[in-house]
Each structure stands twice: as C-alpha cells, then as structure tokens.
Amino acid sequence: MPETITDTEIEHLKKLARLTMNPFDTAQAKAQINDILESFQQLQSLDLEAYPEMPRPVPMVNVMREDVVSDGFSQSQAMAIAVDPQDGFFKVPRTVE
C-alpha cells in the first residue's frame, strides 16, 4: 500500500513551518508532496543488484589527524586584539532586549 500524506499531517507540517495557507494551496501542497513520495517509492522498488556501484572519479578517503594540544592566547593577547575591551572582557553590543 503506497504511503501518502494525510490532511492531519499536512496541518501539522503547516503548524511546524508556521505557514498560513488557503485551502487551495494546502490541497496543492498535499498533492505535490504525495507525488514526491510516490516517486521515492518507485525508486525504492527498483532492483539494482545487477548494477555495480559506479566508480568515483576521486577516491573517498577519510583524512584524519591527531588532536594536538597547543597553547591558546593569553588574556592580555586576546584583549590586545579586542575592538572594545572593558575590565578584561570583550564588550559587545546588546543582542537581547
């Protein structure tokens, strides 16, 4: 049985996204989402066992390095590059009122 999105799920998505949509737009969005879900279901039903994985043009290698502890800035060095230091702290504009 193909999965489709229900009216309840559409209303939940609208609430999460804080969308205000008229009934026509809601129905259109539901139809489009169901078309996308159907396309994914068609892709999932394909038997791809006969097709080998395509080679990659660039080998995928996870490059890792060792974590090395290093000395950071001292407070005086950090304050020397601060735009507006005040009493040993960074003074910044208020962001919350």
C-alpha atoms as a PDB file:
ATOM      1  CA  MET A   1       0.000   0.000   0.000  1.00  0.00           C
ATOM      2  CA  PRO A   2       1.559   3.305  -1.022  1.00  0.00           C
ATOM      3  CA  GLU A   3       2.171   5.839   1.707  1.00  0.00           C
ATOM      4  CA  THR A   4       0.566   9.230   1.304  1.00  0.00           C
ATOM      5  CA  ILE A   5       0.441  12.278   3.485  1.00  0.00           C
ATOM      6  CA  THR A   6      -2.820  12.833   5.331  1.00  0.00           C
ATOM      7  CA  ASP A   7      -4.696  16.049   5.976  1.00  0.00           C
ATOM      8  CA  THR A   8      -3.715  15.822   9.648  1.00  0.00           C
ATOM      9  CA  GLU A   9      -0.027  15.542   8.719  1.00  0.00           C
ATOM     10  CA  ILE A  10      -0.315  18.494   6.307  1.00  0.00           C
ATOM     11  CA  GLU A  11      -1.868  20.606   9.058  1.00  0.00           C
ATOM     12  CA  HIS A  12       0.920  19.536  11.434  1.00  0.00           C
ATOM     13  CA  LEU A  13       3.577  20.497   8.860  1.00  0.00           C
ATOM     14  CA  LYS A  14       1.913  23.870   8.317  1.00  0.00           C
ATOM     15  CA  LYS A  15       1.950  24.473  12.063  1.00  0.00           C
ATOM     16  CA  LEU A  16       5.627  23.465  12.381  1.00  0.00           C
ATOM     17  CA  ALA A  17       6.606  25.712   9.464  1.00  0.00           C
ATOM     18  CA  ARG A  18       4.306  28.479  10.715  1.00  0.00           C
ATOM     19  CA  LEU A  19       2.610  28.672   7.328  1.00  0.00           C
ATOM     20  CA  THR A  20      -0.730  30.233   6.658  1.00  0.00           C
ATOM     21  CA  MET A  21      -2.226  28.691   3.548  1.00  0.00           C
ATOM     22  CA  ASN A  22      -5.665  28.849   1.999  1.00  0.00           C
ATOM     23  CA  PRO A  23      -7.452  25.536   1.310  1.00  0.00           C
ATOM     24  CA  PHE A  24      -6.469  25.553  -2.381  1.00  0.00           C
ATOM     25  CA  ASP A  25      -2.761  25.984  -1.594  1.00  0.00           C
ATOM     26  CA  THR A  26      -2.989  23.331   1.121  1.00  0.00           C
ATOM     27  CA  ALA A  27      -4.541  20.837  -1.301  1.00  0.00           C
ATOM     28  CA  GLN A  28      -1.947  21.688  -3.930  1.00  0.00           C
ATOM     29  CA  ALA A  29       0.925  21.217  -1.448  1.00  0.00           C
ATOM     30  CA  LYS A  30      -0.550  17.890  -0.324  1.00  0.00           C
ATOM     31  CA  ALA A  31      -0.766  16.684  -3.934  1.00  0.00           C
ATOM     32  CA  GLN A  32       2.817  17.754  -4.645  1.00  0.00           C
ATOM     33  CA  ILE A  33       4.165  16.055  -1.519  1.00  0.00           C
ATOM     34  CA  ASN A  34       2.276  12.880  -2.402  1.00  0.00           C
ATOM     35  CA  ASP A  35       3.781  12.990  -5.925  1.00  0.00           C
ATOM     36  CA  ILE A  36       7.265  13.253  -4.393  1.00  0.00           C
ATOM     37  CA  LEU A  37       6.561  10.349  -2.014  1.00  0.00           C
ATOM     38  CA  GLU A  38       5.306   8.244  -4.921  1.00  0.00           C
ATOM     39  CA  SER A  39       8.495   8.991  -6.870  1.00  0.00           C
ATOM     40  CA  PHE A  40      10.609   7.812  -3.930  1.00  0.00           C
ATOM     41  CA  GLN A  41       8.508   4.655  -3.624  1.00  0.00           C
ATOM     42  CA  GLN A  42       9.130   3.917  -7.311  1.00  0.00           C
ATOM     43  CA  LEU A  43      12.865   4.372  -6.797  1.00  0.00           C
ATOM     44  CA  GLN A  44      12.850   2.086  -3.763  1.00  0.00           C
ATOM     45  CA  SER A  45      11.092  -0.654  -5.721  1.00  0.00           C
ATOM     46  CA  LEU A  46      13.863  -0.855  -8.342  1.00  0.00           C
ATOM     47  CA  ASP A  47      16.066  -3.959  -8.295  1.00  0.00           C
ATOM     48  CA  LEU A  48      19.618  -2.618  -8.575  1.00  0.00           C
ATOM     49  CA  GLU A  49      21.507  -5.771  -7.611  1.00  0.00           C
ATOM     50  CA  ALA A  50      22.561  -6.355 -11.232  1.00  0.00           C
ATOM     51  CA  TYR A  51      24.230  -2.955 -11.444  1.00  0.00           C
ATOM     52  CA  PRO A  52      27.601  -2.477  -9.734  1.00  0.00           C
ATOM     53  CA  GLU A  53      28.377   0.696  -7.884  1.00  0.00           C
ATOM     54  CA  MET A  54      29.824   3.336 -10.187  1.00  0.00           C
ATOM     55  CA  PRO A  55      33.484   4.149  -9.680  1.00  0.00           C
ATOM     56  CA  ARG A  56      34.193   7.524  -8.180  1.00  0.00           C
ATOM     57  CA  PRO A  57      36.424   9.980 -10.010  1.00  0.00           C
ATOM     58  CA  VAL A  58      38.137  10.853  -6.744  1.00  0.00           C
ATOM     59  CA  PRO A  59      38.816   8.164  -4.168  1.00  0.00           C
ATOM     60  CA  MET A  60      36.897   8.665  -0.957  1.00  0.00           C
ATOM     61  CA  VAL A  61      39.379   8.647   1.871  1.00  0.00           C
ATOM     62  CA  ASN A  62      38.606   9.988   5.300  1.00  0.00           C
ATOM     63  CA  VAL A  63      41.552  12.171   6.247  1.00  0.00           C
ATOM     64  CA  MET A  64      42.121  12.291   9.973  1.00  0.00           C
ATOM     65  CA  ARG A  65      44.779  13.948  12.028  1.00  0.00           C
ATOM     66  CA  GLU A  66      45.792  13.565  15.614  1.00  0.00           C
ATOM     67  CA  ASP A  67      44.419  16.093  18.059  1.00  0.00           C
ATOM     68  CA  VAL A  68      47.302  18.197  19.263  1.00  0.00           C
ATOM     69  CA  VAL A  69      47.037  20.351  22.350  1.00  0.00           C
ATOM     70  CA  SER A  70      48.520  23.785  21.809  1.00  0.00           C
ATOM     71  CA  ASP A  71      48.712  26.932  23.867  1.00  0.00           C
ATOM     72  CA  GLY A  72      45.974  29.427  23.171  1.00  0.00           C
ATOM     73  CA  PHE A  73      46.018  33.160  23.562  1.00  0.00           C
ATOM     74  CA  SER A  74      46.696  34.603  26.963  1.00  0.00           C
ATOM     75  CA  GLN A  75      44.113  37.055  28.256  1.00  0.00           C
ATOM     76  CA  SER A  76      46.414  40.002  27.566  1.00  0.00           C
ATOM     77  CA  GLN A  77      46.970  38.827  23.958  1.00  0.00           C
ATOM     78  CA  ALA A  78      43.220  38.416  23.420  1.00  0.00           C
ATOM     79  CA  MET A  79      42.462  41.821  24.907  1.00  0.00           C
ATOM     80  CA  ALA A  80      45.150  43.378  22.685  1.00  0.00           C
ATOM     81  CA  ILE A  81      43.146  42.473  19.563  1.00  0.00           C
ATOM     82  CA  ALA A  82      39.706  43.240  21.047  1.00  0.00           C
ATOM     83  CA  VAL A  83      37.770  46.061  19.429  1.00  0.00           C
ATOM     84  CA  ASP A  84      36.387  47.402  22.706  1.00  0.00           C
ATOM     85  CA  PRO A  85      37.876  45.689  25.797  1.00  0.00           C
ATOM     86  CA  GLN A  86      36.449  46.586  29.190  1.00  0.00           C
ATOM     87  CA  ASP A  87      37.841  45.368  32.523  1.00  0.00           C
ATOM     88  CA  GLY A  88      39.412  42.274  30.941  1.00  0.00           C
ATOM     89  CA  PHE A  89      36.283  41.310  28.970  1.00  0.00           C
ATOM     90  CA  PHE A  90      35.076  41.761  25.394  1.00  0.00           C
ATOM     91  CA  LYS A  91      32.447  44.495  25.276  1.00  0.00           C
ATOM     92  CA  VAL A  92      29.856  43.766  22.609  1.00  0.00           C
ATOM     93  CA  PRO A  93      26.560  45.360  21.598  1.00  0.00           C
ATOM     94  CA  ARG A  94      23.454  44.143  23.386  1.00  0.00           C
ATOM     95  CA  THR A  95      21.716  41.439  21.379  1.00  0.00           C
ATOM     96  CA  VAL A  96      18.687  40.751  23.566  1.00  0.00           C
ATOM     97  CA  GLU A  97      16.394  43.425  24.815  1.00  0.00           C
END
